[in-house]
C-alpha atoms as a PDB file:
ATOM      1  CA  UNK A   1       0.058  -0.004  -0.009  1.00  0.00           C
ATOM      2  CA  UNK A   2       1.229   3.575  -0.723  1.00  0.00           C
ATOM      3  CA  UNK A   3       0.761   6.595   1.251  1.00  0.00           C
ATOM      4  CA  UNK A   4      -0.724  10.025   0.755  1.00  0.00           C
ATOM      5  CA  UNK A   5      -0.567  13.304   2.611  1.00  0.00           C
ATOM      6  CA  UNK A   6      -1.208  16.929   2.385  1.00  0.00           C
ATOM      7  CA  UNK A   7       0.784  20.072   2.948  1.00  0.00           C
ATOM      8  CA  UNK A   8       0.979  22.685   5.636  1.00  0.00           C
ATOM      9  CA  UNK A   9      -0.160  25.298   3.071  1.00  0.00           C
ATOM     10  CA  UNK A  10       3.457  26.318   2.250  1.00  0.00           C
ATOM     11  CA  UNK A  11       3.861  28.124   5.583  1.00  0.00           C
ATOM     12  CA  UNK A  12       7.683  27.550   6.512  1.00  0.00           C
ATOM     13  CA  UNK A  13       6.714  28.403  10.269  1.00  0.00           C
ATOM     14  CA  UNK A  14       4.709  25.097  10.508  1.00  0.00           C
ATOM     15  CA  UNK A  15       5.955  21.634  10.100  1.00  0.00           C
ATOM     16  CA  UNK A  16       4.954  18.112  11.114  1.00  0.00           C
ATOM     17  CA  UNK A  17       2.342  19.419  13.642  1.00  0.00           C
ATOM     18  CA  UNK A  18       4.504  22.101  15.282  1.00  0.00           C
ATOM     19  CA  UNK A  19       4.428  25.844  15.057  1.00  0.00           C
ATOM     20  CA  UNK A  20       7.896  27.684  15.357  1.00  0.00           C
ATOM     21  CA  UNK A  21       8.141  31.071  17.061  1.00  0.00           C
ATOM     22  CA  UNK A  22      10.111  34.031  15.603  1.00  0.00           C
ATOM     23  CA  UNK A  23      12.590  33.355  18.459  1.00  0.00           C
ATOM     24  CA  UNK A  24      12.938  29.647  17.560  1.00  0.00           C
ATOM     25  CA  UNK A  25      13.351  30.625  13.843  1.00  0.00           C
ATOM     26  CA  UNK A  26      16.158  32.989  14.693  1.00  0.00           C
ATOM     27  CA  UNK A  27      17.823  30.362  16.877  1.00  0.00           C
ATOM     28  CA  UNK A  28      17.688  27.906  13.766  1.00  0.00           C
ATOM     29  CA  UNK A  29      19.313  30.554  11.594  1.00  0.00           C
ATOM     30  CA  UNK A  30      21.969  31.171  14.145  1.00  0.00           C
ATOM     31  CA  UNK A  31      22.800  27.558  14.395  1.00  0.00           C
ATOM     32  CA  UNK A  32      23.018  27.091  10.564  1.00  0.00           C
ATOM     33  CA  UNK A  33      25.145  30.135  10.137  1.00  0.00           C
ATOM     34  CA  UNK A  34      27.515  29.459  13.190  1.00  0.00           C
ATOM     35  CA  UNK A  35      27.886  25.704  12.529  1.00  0.00           C
ATOM     36  CA  UNK A  36      28.592  25.699   8.753  1.00  0.00           C
ATOM     37  CA  UNK A  37      31.014  22.921   9.049  1.00  0.00           C
ATOM     38  CA  UNK A  38      28.161  20.342   9.996  1.00  0.00           C
ATOM     39  CA  UNK A  39      26.358  18.172   7.688  1.00  0.00           C
ATOM     40  CA  UNK A  40      22.601  18.738   7.273  1.00  0.00           C
ATOM     41  CA  UNK A  41      21.936  15.623   9.478  1.00  0.00           C
ATOM     42  CA  UNK A  42      24.278  17.084  12.393  1.00  0.00           C
ATOM     43  CA  UNK A  43      22.526  20.440  11.924  1.00  0.00           C
ATOM     44  CA  UNK A  44      19.099  18.920  12.300  1.00  0.00           C
ATOM     45  CA  UNK A  45      19.982  16.889  15.418  1.00  0.00           C
ATOM     46  CA  UNK A  46      21.617  20.025  16.899  1.00  0.00           C
ATOM     47  CA  UNK A  47      18.445  21.997  16.255  1.00  0.00           C
ATOM     48  CA  UNK A  48      16.300  19.207  17.671  1.00  0.00           C
ATOM     49  CA  UNK A  49      18.405  19.125  20.843  1.00  0.00           C
ATOM     50  CA  UNK A  50      18.168  23.066  21.301  1.00  0.00           C
ATOM     51  CA  UNK A  51      14.450  23.136  20.620  1.00  0.00           C
ATOM     52  CA  UNK A  52      13.587  19.893  22.571  1.00  0.00           C
ATOM     53  CA  UNK A  53      12.066  18.594  19.469  1.00  0.00           C
ATOM     54  CA  UNK A  54      11.675  14.946  20.281  1.00  0.00           C
ATOM     55  CA  UNK A  55       9.346  12.061  19.945  1.00  0.00           C
ATOM     56  CA  UNK A  56       7.355  10.850  22.929  1.00  0.00           C
ATOM     57  CA  UNK A  57       9.867   7.962  23.573  1.00  0.00           C
ATOM     58  CA  UNK A  58      12.740  10.640  23.745  1.00  0.00           C
ATOM     59  CA  UNK A  59      14.314  10.263  20.307  1.00  0.00           C
ATOM     60  CA  UNK A  60      15.061  13.258  18.326  1.00  0.00           C
ATOM     61  CA  UNK A  61      12.823  14.138  15.332  1.00  0.00           C
ATOM     62  CA  UNK A  62      16.006  14.575  13.136  1.00  0.00           C
ATOM     63  CA  UNK A  63      14.237  13.397   9.884  1.00  0.00           C
ATOM     64  CA  UNK A  64      11.296  15.897  10.351  1.00  0.00           C
ATOM     65  CA  UNK A  65      13.878  18.569  11.156  1.00  0.00           C
ATOM     66  CA  UNK A  66      15.932  17.988   7.962  1.00  0.00           C
ATOM     67  CA  UNK A  67      12.698  18.467   5.975  1.00  0.00           C
ATOM     68  CA  UNK A  68      11.867  21.625   7.949  1.00  0.00           C
ATOM     69  CA  UNK A  69      15.296  23.039   7.265  1.00  0.00           C
ATOM     70  CA  UNK A  70      14.903  22.326   3.570  1.00  0.00           C
ATOM     71  CA  UNK A  71      11.600  24.169   3.605  1.00  0.00           C
ATOM     72  CA  UNK A  72      13.275  27.156   5.200  1.00  0.00           C
ATOM     73  CA  UNK A  73      16.004  27.070   2.585  1.00  0.00           C
ATOM     74  CA  UNK A  74      13.507  26.768  -0.210  1.00  0.00           C
ATOM     75  CA  UNK A  75      11.704  29.950   1.318  1.00  0.00           C
ATOM     76  CA  UNK A  76      14.958  31.777   1.274  1.00  0.00           C
ATOM     77  CA  UNK A  77      15.279  32.019   5.090  1.00  0.00           C
ATOM     78  CA  UNK A  78      18.670  30.406   5.289  1.00  0.00           C
ATOM     79  CA  UNK A  79      21.396  28.543   3.287  1.00  0.00           C
ATOM     80  CA  UNK A  80      22.183  25.045   4.098  1.00  0.00           C
ATOM     81  CA  UNK A  81      25.458  23.156   3.425  1.00  0.00           C
ATOM     82  CA  UNK A  82      25.506  21.090   0.131  1.00  0.00           C
ATOM     83  CA  UNK A  83      23.780  17.765   0.456  1.00  0.00           C
ATOM     84  CA  UNK A  84      25.909  14.692   1.183  1.00  0.00           C
ATOM     85  CA  UNK A  85      25.200  11.553  -0.721  1.00  0.00           C
ATOM     86  CA  UNK A  86      22.534   9.579   1.249  1.00  0.00           C
ATOM     87  CA  UNK A  87      19.541   7.419   0.697  1.00  0.00           C
ATOM     88  CA  UNK A  88      16.382   9.740   0.947  1.00  0.00           C
ATOM     89  CA  UNK A  89      13.266   8.783   2.784  1.00  0.00           C
ATOM     90  CA  UNK A  90      10.804   7.072   0.425  1.00  0.00           C
ATOM     91  CA  UNK A  91      13.670   6.077  -2.121  1.00  0.00           C
ATOM     92  CA  UNK A  92      14.140   2.652  -3.596  1.00  0.00           C
ATOM     93  CA  UNK A  93      16.832   0.720  -1.861  1.00  0.00           C
ATOM     94  CA  UNK A  94      19.267  -2.007  -3.187  1.00  0.00           C
ATOM     95  CA  UNK A  95      17.475  -5.265  -3.188  1.00  0.00           C
ATOM     96  CA  UNK A  96      19.647  -8.268  -2.397  1.00  0.00           C
ATOM     97  CA  UNK A  97      19.023 -11.397  -4.432  1.00  0.00           C
ATOM     98  CA  UNK A  98      19.875 -14.579  -2.459  1.00  0.00           C
ATOM     99  CA  UNK A  99      18.696 -18.188  -2.098  1.00  0.00           C
ATOM    100  CA  UNK A 100      16.621 -17.099   0.951  1.00  0.00           C
ATOM    101  CA  UNK A 101      14.412 -14.876  -1.347  1.00  0.00           C
ATOM    102  CA  UNK A 102      13.882 -17.545  -4.080  1.00  0.00           C
ATOM    103  CA  UNK A 103      10.509 -18.929  -4.850  1.00  0.00           C
ATOM    104  CA  UNK A 104       9.467 -21.569  -2.244  1.00  0.00           C
ATOM    105  CA  UNK A 105       7.267 -24.546  -2.641  1.00  0.00           C
ATOM    106  CA  UNK A 106       3.690 -23.826  -3.413  1.00  0.00           C
ATOM    107  CA  UNK A 107       1.407 -23.415  -0.429  1.00  0.00           C
ATOM    108  CA  UNK A 108      -2.350 -23.924  -1.069  1.00  0.00           C
ATOM    109  CA  UNK A 109      -5.336 -24.710   1.031  1.00  0.00           C
ATOM    110  CA  UNK A 110      -6.992 -22.936   3.972  1.00  0.00           C
ATOM    111  CA  UNK A 111      -5.219 -20.974   6.737  1.00  0.00           C
ATOM    112  CA  UNK A 112      -6.374 -23.522   9.338  1.00  0.00           C
ATOM    113  CA  UNK A 113      -3.955 -25.986   7.679  1.00  0.00           C
ATOM    114  CA  UNK A 114      -1.025 -23.635   8.378  1.00  0.00           C
ATOM    115  CA  UNK A 115      -2.055 -22.205  11.744  1.00  0.00           C
ATOM    116  CA  UNK A 116      -0.940 -20.489  13.993  1.00  0.00           C
ATOM    117  CA  UNK A 117       0.206 -17.595  11.779  1.00  0.00           C
ATOM    118  CA  UNK A 118       3.015 -15.978  13.562  1.00  0.00           C
ATOM    119  CA  UNK A 119       4.618 -12.399  13.149  1.00  0.00           C
ATOM    120  CA  UNK A 120       8.343 -11.963  14.024  1.00  0.00           C
ATOM    121  CA  UNK A 121       9.593  -8.354  14.501  1.00  0.00           C
ATOM    122  CA  UNK A 122      12.415  -7.231  12.077  1.00  0.00           C
ATOM    123  CA  UNK A 123      15.246  -6.453  14.459  1.00  0.00           C
ATOM    124  CA  UNK A 124      18.530  -8.117  13.435  1.00  0.00           C
ATOM    125  CA  UNK A 125      20.653  -7.450  10.186  1.00  0.00           C
ATOM    126  CA  UNK A 126      19.644 -10.912   8.801  1.00  0.00           C
ATOM    127  CA  UNK A 127      15.839 -10.119   9.260  1.00  0.00           C
ATOM    128  CA  UNK A 128      16.235  -6.582   7.787  1.00  0.00           C
ATOM    129  CA  UNK A 129      17.973  -8.193   4.657  1.00  0.00           C
ATOM    130  CA  UNK A 130      15.374 -10.819   4.256  1.00  0.00           C
ATOM    131  CA  UNK A 131      12.353  -8.295   4.620  1.00  0.00           C
ATOM    132  CA  UNK A 132      14.118  -5.973   2.084  1.00  0.00           C
ATOM    133  CA  UNK A 133      14.640  -8.775  -0.466  1.00  0.00           C
ATOM    134  CA  UNK A 134      11.174 -10.211  -0.216  1.00  0.00           C
ATOM    135  CA  UNK A 135       9.386  -6.769  -0.424  1.00  0.00           C
ATOM    136  CA  UNK A 136      11.782  -5.520  -2.900  1.00  0.00           C
ATOM    137  CA  UNK A 137      11.401  -8.558  -5.221  1.00  0.00           C
ATOM    138  CA  UNK A 138       7.820  -9.361  -4.827  1.00  0.00           C
ATOM    139  CA  UNK A 139       5.827  -6.314  -3.708  1.00  0.00           C
ATOM    140  CA  UNK A 140       4.691  -4.126  -6.672  1.00  0.00           C
ATOM    141  CA  UNK A 141       5.761  -0.833  -4.889  1.00  0.00           C
ATOM    142  CA  UNK A 142       9.149  -2.378  -4.118  1.00  0.00           C
ATOM    143  CA  UNK A 143      11.172  -1.580  -0.968  1.00  0.00           C
ATOM    144  CA  UNK A 144      11.456   2.112   0.202  1.00  0.00           C
ATOM    145  CA  UNK A 145      12.959   3.719   3.177  1.00  0.00           C
ATOM    146  CA  UNK A 146      10.188   4.047   5.732  1.00  0.00           C
ATOM    147  CA  UNK A 147       9.210   7.623   6.712  1.00  0.00           C
ATOM    148  CA  UNK A 148       9.540   8.340  10.440  1.00  0.00           C
ATOM    149  CA  UNK A 149       8.652   5.751  13.099  1.00  0.00           C
ATOM    150  CA  UNK A 150       7.996   2.315  11.736  1.00  0.00           C
ATOM    151  CA  UNK A 151       7.727  -1.463  12.646  1.00  0.00           C
ATOM    152  CA  UNK A 152       8.158  -4.301  10.376  1.00  0.00           C
ATOM    153  CA  UNK A 153       7.341  -7.959  10.637  1.00  0.00           C
ATOM    154  CA  UNK A 154       8.114 -11.328   8.858  1.00  0.00           C
ATOM    155  CA  UNK A 155       5.005 -13.389   8.610  1.00  0.00           C
ATOM    156  CA  UNK A 156       5.454 -17.180   9.260  1.00  0.00           C
ATOM    157  CA  UNK A 157       3.244 -20.217   8.805  1.00  0.00           C
ATOM    158  CA  UNK A 158       3.667 -22.663  11.572  1.00  0.00           C
ATOM    159  CA  UNK A 159       2.616 -26.022   9.783  1.00  0.00           C
ATOM    160  CA  UNK A 160       3.413 -28.359   8.434  1.00  0.00           C
ATOM    161  CA  UNK A 161       6.813 -26.695   8.712  1.00  0.00           C
ATOM    162  CA  UNK A 162       7.716 -23.157   9.762  1.00  0.00           C
ATOM    163  CA  UNK A 163       7.979 -21.014   6.678  1.00  0.00           C
ATOM    164  CA  UNK A 164       7.975 -17.340   5.582  1.00  0.00           C
ATOM    165  CA  UNK A 165       4.776 -16.568   3.870  1.00  0.00           C
ATOM    166  CA  UNK A 166       4.728 -12.636   3.785  1.00  0.00           C
ATOM    167  CA  UNK A 167       5.845  -9.382   5.198  1.00  0.00           C
ATOM    168  CA  UNK A 168       3.944  -6.354   6.741  1.00  0.00           C
ATOM    169  CA  UNK A 169       5.217  -2.951   7.551  1.00  0.00           C
ATOM    170  CA  UNK A 170       3.558  -0.088   9.639  1.00  0.00           C
ATOM    171  CA  UNK A 171       4.914   3.568   9.630  1.00  0.00           C
ATOM    172  CA  UNK A 172       4.233   7.204  10.355  1.00  0.00           C
ATOM    173  CA  UNK A 173       0.673   8.188   9.093  1.00  0.00           C
ATOM    174  CA  UNK A 174      -0.221  10.686   6.248  1.00  0.00           C
ATOM    175  CA  UNK A 175      -0.298  14.075   7.494  1.00  0.00           C
ATOM    176  CA  UNK A 176      -3.373  15.194   5.863  1.00  0.00           C
ATOM    177  CA  UNK A 177      -5.861  12.736   4.241  1.00  0.00           C
ATOM    178  CA  UNK A 178      -9.351  14.200   3.614  1.00  0.00           C
ATOM    179  CA  UNK A 179     -11.353  10.844   3.807  1.00  0.00           C
ATOM    180  CA  UNK A 180      -9.640   9.807   7.145  1.00  0.00           C
ATOM    181  CA  UNK A 181      -9.891  13.254   8.568  1.00  0.00           C
ATOM    182  CA  UNK A 182     -13.699  13.487   7.890  1.00  0.00           C
ATOM    183  CA  UNK A 183     -14.306  10.013   9.420  1.00  0.00           C
ATOM    184  CA  UNK A 184     -12.575  11.186  12.421  1.00  0.00           C
ATOM    185  CA  UNK A 185     -14.062  14.611  12.522  1.00  0.00           C
ATOM    186  CA  UNK A 186     -10.639  16.314  12.679  1.00  0.00           C
ATOM    187  CA  UNK A 187      -9.899  19.930  12.326  1.00  0.00           C
ATOM    188  CA  UNK A 188      -6.259  21.123  11.899  1.00  0.00           C
ATOM    189  CA  UNK A 189      -5.658  21.885  15.426  1.00  0.00           C
ATOM    190  CA  UNK A 190      -6.817  18.360  16.678  1.00  0.00           C
ATOM    191  CA  UNK A 191      -5.127  16.509  14.013  1.00  0.00           C
ATOM    192  CA  UNK A 192      -1.876  18.179  14.950  1.00  0.00           C
ATOM    193  CA  UNK A 193      -2.158  17.185  18.640  1.00  0.00           C
ATOM    194  CA  UNK A 194      -3.330  13.591  17.927  1.00  0.00           C
ATOM    195  CA  UNK A 195      -1.818  12.429  14.648  1.00  0.00           C
ATOM    196  CA  UNK A 196       0.905  10.460  16.555  1.00  0.00           C
ATOM    197  CA  UNK A 197      -2.103   8.209  17.687  1.00  0.00           C
ATOM    198  CA  UNK A 198      -2.498   6.955  14.024  1.00  0.00           C
ATOM    199  CA  UNK A 199      -0.399   4.285  12.371  1.00  0.00           C
ATOM    200  CA  UNK A 200      -0.096   3.583   8.584  1.00  0.00           C
ATOM    201  CA  UNK A 201       0.161   0.053   7.234  1.00  0.00           C
ATOM    202  CA  UNK A 202       2.529   1.053   4.443  1.00  0.00           C
ATOM    203  CA  UNK A 203       3.534  -2.394   3.081  1.00  0.00           C
ATOM    204  CA  UNK A 204       1.635  -5.809   3.061  1.00  0.00           C
ATOM    205  CA  UNK A 205       2.921  -8.655   0.958  1.00  0.00           C
ATOM    206  CA  UNK A 206       1.804 -12.332   0.850  1.00  0.00           C
ATOM    207  CA  UNK A 207       4.327 -14.093  -1.221  1.00  0.00           C
ATOM    208  CA  UNK A 208       3.187 -14.933  -4.603  1.00  0.00           C
ATOM    209  CA  UNK A 209       3.611 -18.744  -4.357  1.00  0.00           C
ATOM    210  CA  UNK A 210       1.281 -18.746  -1.165  1.00  0.00           C
ATOM    211  CA  UNK A 211      -2.282 -19.156  -2.188  1.00  0.00           C
ATOM    212  CA  UNK A 212      -3.964 -19.766   1.212  1.00  0.00           C
ATOM    213  CA  UNK A 213      -7.562 -19.017   1.691  1.00  0.00           C
ATOM    214  CA  UNK A 214      -8.115 -16.487   4.630  1.00  0.00           C
ATOM    215  CA  UNK A 215      -4.355 -15.972   5.189  1.00  0.00           C
ATOM    216  CA  UNK A 216      -4.248 -12.257   4.353  1.00  0.00           C
ATOM    217  CA  UNK A 217      -7.214 -11.333   6.836  1.00  0.00           C
ATOM    218  CA  UNK A 218      -5.710 -13.578   9.493  1.00  0.00           C
ATOM    219  CA  UNK A 219      -2.438 -11.798   9.139  1.00  0.00           C
ATOM    220  CA  UNK A 220      -4.060  -8.393   9.386  1.00  0.00           C
ATOM    221  CA  UNK A 221      -5.838  -9.458  12.692  1.00  0.00           C
ATOM    222  CA  UNK A 222      -2.715 -10.724  14.189  1.00  0.00           C
ATOM    223  CA  UNK A 223      -0.748  -7.731  12.910  1.00  0.00           C
ATOM    224  CA  UNK A 224      -2.946  -5.131  14.555  1.00  0.00           C
ATOM    225  CA  UNK A 225      -2.550  -6.810  17.948  1.00  0.00           C
ATOM    226  CA  UNK A 226       1.173  -6.694  17.532  1.00  0.00           C
ATOM    227  CA  UNK A 227       1.252  -3.047  16.703  1.00  0.00           C
ATOM    228  CA  UNK A 228      -1.094  -2.120  19.522  1.00  0.00           C
ATOM    229  CA  UNK A 229       1.514  -3.833  21.778  1.00  0.00           C
ATOM    230  CA  UNK A 230       4.721  -3.088  20.211  1.00  0.00           C
ATOM    231  CA  UNK A 231       4.194   0.548  18.995  1.00  0.00           C
ATOM    232  CA  UNK A 232       3.869   1.900  22.572  1.00  0.00           C
ATOM    233  CA  UNK A 233       6.922  -0.109  23.601  1.00  0.00           C
ATOM    234  CA  UNK A 234       9.165   1.342  20.842  1.00  0.00           C
ATOM    235  CA  UNK A 235       7.735   5.030  20.650  1.00  0.00           C
ATOM    236  CA  UNK A 236       5.827   5.501  24.130  1.00  0.00           C
ATOM    237  CA  UNK A 237       2.601   6.485  22.287  1.00  0.00           C
ATOM    238  CA  UNK A 238      -0.407   4.290  22.302  1.00  0.00           C
ATOM    239  CA  UNK A 239      -2.005   4.118  18.770  1.00  0.00           C
ATOM    240  CA  UNK A 240      -5.752   4.378  18.489  1.00  0.00           C
ATOM    241  CA  UNK A 241      -6.236   3.838  14.792  1.00  0.00           C
ATOM    242  CA  UNK A 242      -4.557   2.144  11.915  1.00  0.00           C
ATOM    243  CA  UNK A 243      -4.888   3.360   8.305  1.00  0.00           C
ATOM    244  CA  UNK A 244      -3.979   1.990   4.863  1.00  0.00           C
ATOM    245  CA  UNK A 245      -4.243   2.897   1.266  1.00  0.00           C
ATOM    246  CA  UNK A 246      -5.303   0.226  -1.357  1.00  0.00           C
ATOM    247  CA  UNK A 247      -4.830   0.743  -5.122  1.00  0.00           C
ATOM    248  CA  UNK A 248      -8.296  -0.141  -6.547  1.00  0.00           C
ATOM    249  CA  UNK A 249      -6.733  -0.919  -9.985  1.00  0.00           C
ATOM    250  CA  UNK A 250      -4.976  -3.884  -8.376  1.00  0.00           C
ATOM    251  CA  UNK A 251      -6.885  -4.971  -5.250  1.00  0.00           C
ATOM    252  CA  UNK A 252     -10.397  -4.751  -3.954  1.00  0.00           C
ATOM    253  CA  UNK A 253      -9.538  -4.648  -0.291  1.00  0.00           C
ATOM    254  CA  UNK A 254     -11.434  -7.857   0.446  1.00  0.00           C
ATOM    255  CA  UNK A 255      -8.818  -8.955   3.178  1.00  0.00           C
ATOM    256  CA  UNK A 256      -9.205  -5.610   4.870  1.00  0.00           C
ATOM    257  CA  UNK A 257     -13.015  -5.992   4.876  1.00  0.00           C
ATOM    258  CA  UNK A 258     -12.770  -9.610   6.144  1.00  0.00           C
ATOM    259  CA  UNK A 259     -10.469  -8.366   8.949  1.00  0.00           C
ATOM    260  CA  UNK A 260     -13.180  -5.855  10.071  1.00  0.00           C
ATOM    261  CA  UNK A 261     -11.441  -2.729   8.631  1.00  0.00           C
ATOM    262  CA  UNK A 262     -13.684   0.204   7.547  1.00  0.00           C
ATOM    263  CA  UNK A 263     -13.572   1.727   4.062  1.00  0.00           C
ATOM    264  CA  UNK A 264     -13.948   5.660   4.517  1.00  0.00           C
ATOM    265  CA  UNK A 265     -13.438   6.918   0.886  1.00  0.00           C
ATOM    266  CA  UNK A 266     -10.629   7.674  -1.488  1.00  0.00           C
ATOM    267  CA  UNK A 267      -7.619  10.051  -1.612  1.00  0.00           C
ATOM    268  CA  UNK A 268      -7.145  12.923  -4.014  1.00  0.00           C
ATOM    269  CA  UNK A 269      -4.274  10.854  -5.646  1.00  0.00           C
ATOM    270  CA  UNK A 270      -1.383  12.914  -4.238  1.00  0.00           C
ATOM    271  CA  UNK A 271       1.672  11.514  -2.563  1.00  0.00           C
ATOM    272  CA  UNK A 272       3.205  12.404   0.790  1.00  0.00           C
ATOM    273  CA  UNK A 273       5.733  14.852  -0.647  1.00  0.00           C
ATOM    274  CA  UNK A 274       3.485  16.393  -3.348  1.00  0.00           C
ATOM    275  CA  UNK A 275       3.454  19.753  -1.657  1.00  0.00           C
ATOM    276  CA  UNK A 276       2.925  21.689  -4.931  1.00  0.00           C
ATOM    277  CA  UNK A 277      -0.320  19.678  -5.903  1.00  0.00           C
ATOM    278  CA  UNK A 278       1.206  18.492  -9.102  1.00  0.00           C
ATOM    279  CA  UNK A 279      -0.217  14.880  -9.001  1.00  0.00           C
ATOM    280  CA  UNK A 280      -3.781  15.520  -8.127  1.00  0.00           C
ATOM    281  CA  UNK A 281      -5.909  12.553  -9.208  1.00  0.00           C
ATOM    282  CA  UNK A 282      -3.080  10.606 -10.762  1.00  0.00           C
ATOM    283  CA  UNK A 283      -2.872   7.823  -8.142  1.00  0.00           C
ATOM    284  CA  UNK A 284      -6.216   7.653  -6.505  1.00  0.00           C
ATOM    285  CA  UNK A 285      -6.304   5.040  -3.409  1.00  0.00           C
ATOM    286  CA  UNK A 286      -9.087   3.636  -1.372  1.00  0.00           C
ATOM    287  CA  UNK A 287      -8.700   4.470   2.262  1.00  0.00           C
ATOM    288  CA  UNK A 288      -9.200   1.957   4.983  1.00  0.00           C
ATOM    289  CA  UNK A 289      -9.090   2.306   8.721  1.00  0.00           C
ATOM    290  CA  UNK A 290      -9.090   0.011  11.712  1.00  0.00           C
ATOM    291  CA  UNK A 291     -10.014   1.462  15.195  1.00  0.00           C
ATOM    292  CA  UNK A 292      -7.993  -0.222  17.789  1.00  0.00           C
ATOM    293  CA  UNK A 293     -10.589   0.951  20.557  1.00  0.00           C
ATOM    294  CA  UNK A 294     -14.273   1.283  20.048  1.00  0.00           C
ATOM    295  CA  UNK A 295     -14.261   5.036  20.499  1.00  0.00           C
ATOM    296  CA  UNK A 296     -11.188   5.852  18.410  1.00  0.00           C
ATOM    297  CA  UNK A 297     -12.740   8.559  16.582  1.00  0.00           C
ATOM    298  CA  UNK A 298     -14.040  10.271  19.528  1.00  0.00           C
ATOM    299  CA  UNK A 299     -10.882   9.958  21.409  1.00  0.00           C
ATOM    300  CA  UNK A 300      -8.808  11.290  18.313  1.00  0.00           C
ATOM    301  CA  UNK A 301     -11.162  14.346  18.151  1.00  0.00           C
ATOM    302  CA  UNK A 302     -10.939  15.176  21.861  1.00  0.00           C
ATOM    303  CA  UNK A 303      -7.743  13.555  23.326  1.00  0.00           C
END
C-alpha cells in the first residue's frame, strides 16, 4: 500500500504538527550560520536538541527537522550546506538477491492448515535483509526507506513446517488525508495534537507462491494486535487507529473487509511529498481504517 498526505499550506513556520516562534526561527538561523561545518543531519540533530523537538519516547525528530530546514532554505530564510550523498526517505533501496528470497514450494489450502500464523519483528541485520529482499522482489511498490517511526514484521506459517509466507510494515501516518480526517471529524488543531495516535500500514505482502484462503485477513488481525502492543514499547505512544491505502486498480481490499477494517473513501491521488499539488488525481487510492478501540474517532477528536 502507498501513502498520501497533504501540505501545511506552504507556511515555513509550521512543520509536522509544530508551530515555530520567531525566537525559535532566529535560533535555527543562528545555528545554521555558526555551524557551517556540520552536515545537514548534524545540523538537524543540533536544532532538535536545542528546541527539545523529540518523540514521545525521547528520540530526536531529526528526519522531520531535516525536512523543515529544507523548507526554510526553499523559502530563502537560510542557506544549508551542500547535501551529502545519502538514501532519502521514500527512495528505492538496493535489493539483495539470495537463495533465501527464491521462490518456495507452493502453499495452497485454507489458513487452518497452516495455523497458527506468527509475526516476527524485524530487528537483526539478517531479518532486515530478508525483509528488504522479499518486499523488493515481490511487492509491486518495491522496498522504500520508511518515513519516520516504523515497525516491520516477517510473517510465518507454523505448519506443516515453519516457513515465511509474507511481510507487513507499519509506519508514520499521512499528515493530511481528507477521507480519514472526515471520518474522525478532525480539524487542523486536533489533527496536529493527535496524529501520533495513528499508524499507517504502508506495506503488506503475501508471497506469490502462497495461495492460502483467509491468510491475508488472518495476518491483518494478528498484525494489529502486535502493533497495539509493540508501538507503545518502541515509541511511548499508544495508537488508537491504523490506516492503509489500497490501489483499486490492483486490489479490491477484500482482506481488509474480512478483517473488519472500514472503508472511508478515496484519496485525491497525491503522494506524501507532493506539496505543490502536481499529481492531483493521478494515483487515487481507497482509504481503509481499523479502530484499535471502540471510541477511536471520539478520542482522536478530543484527546
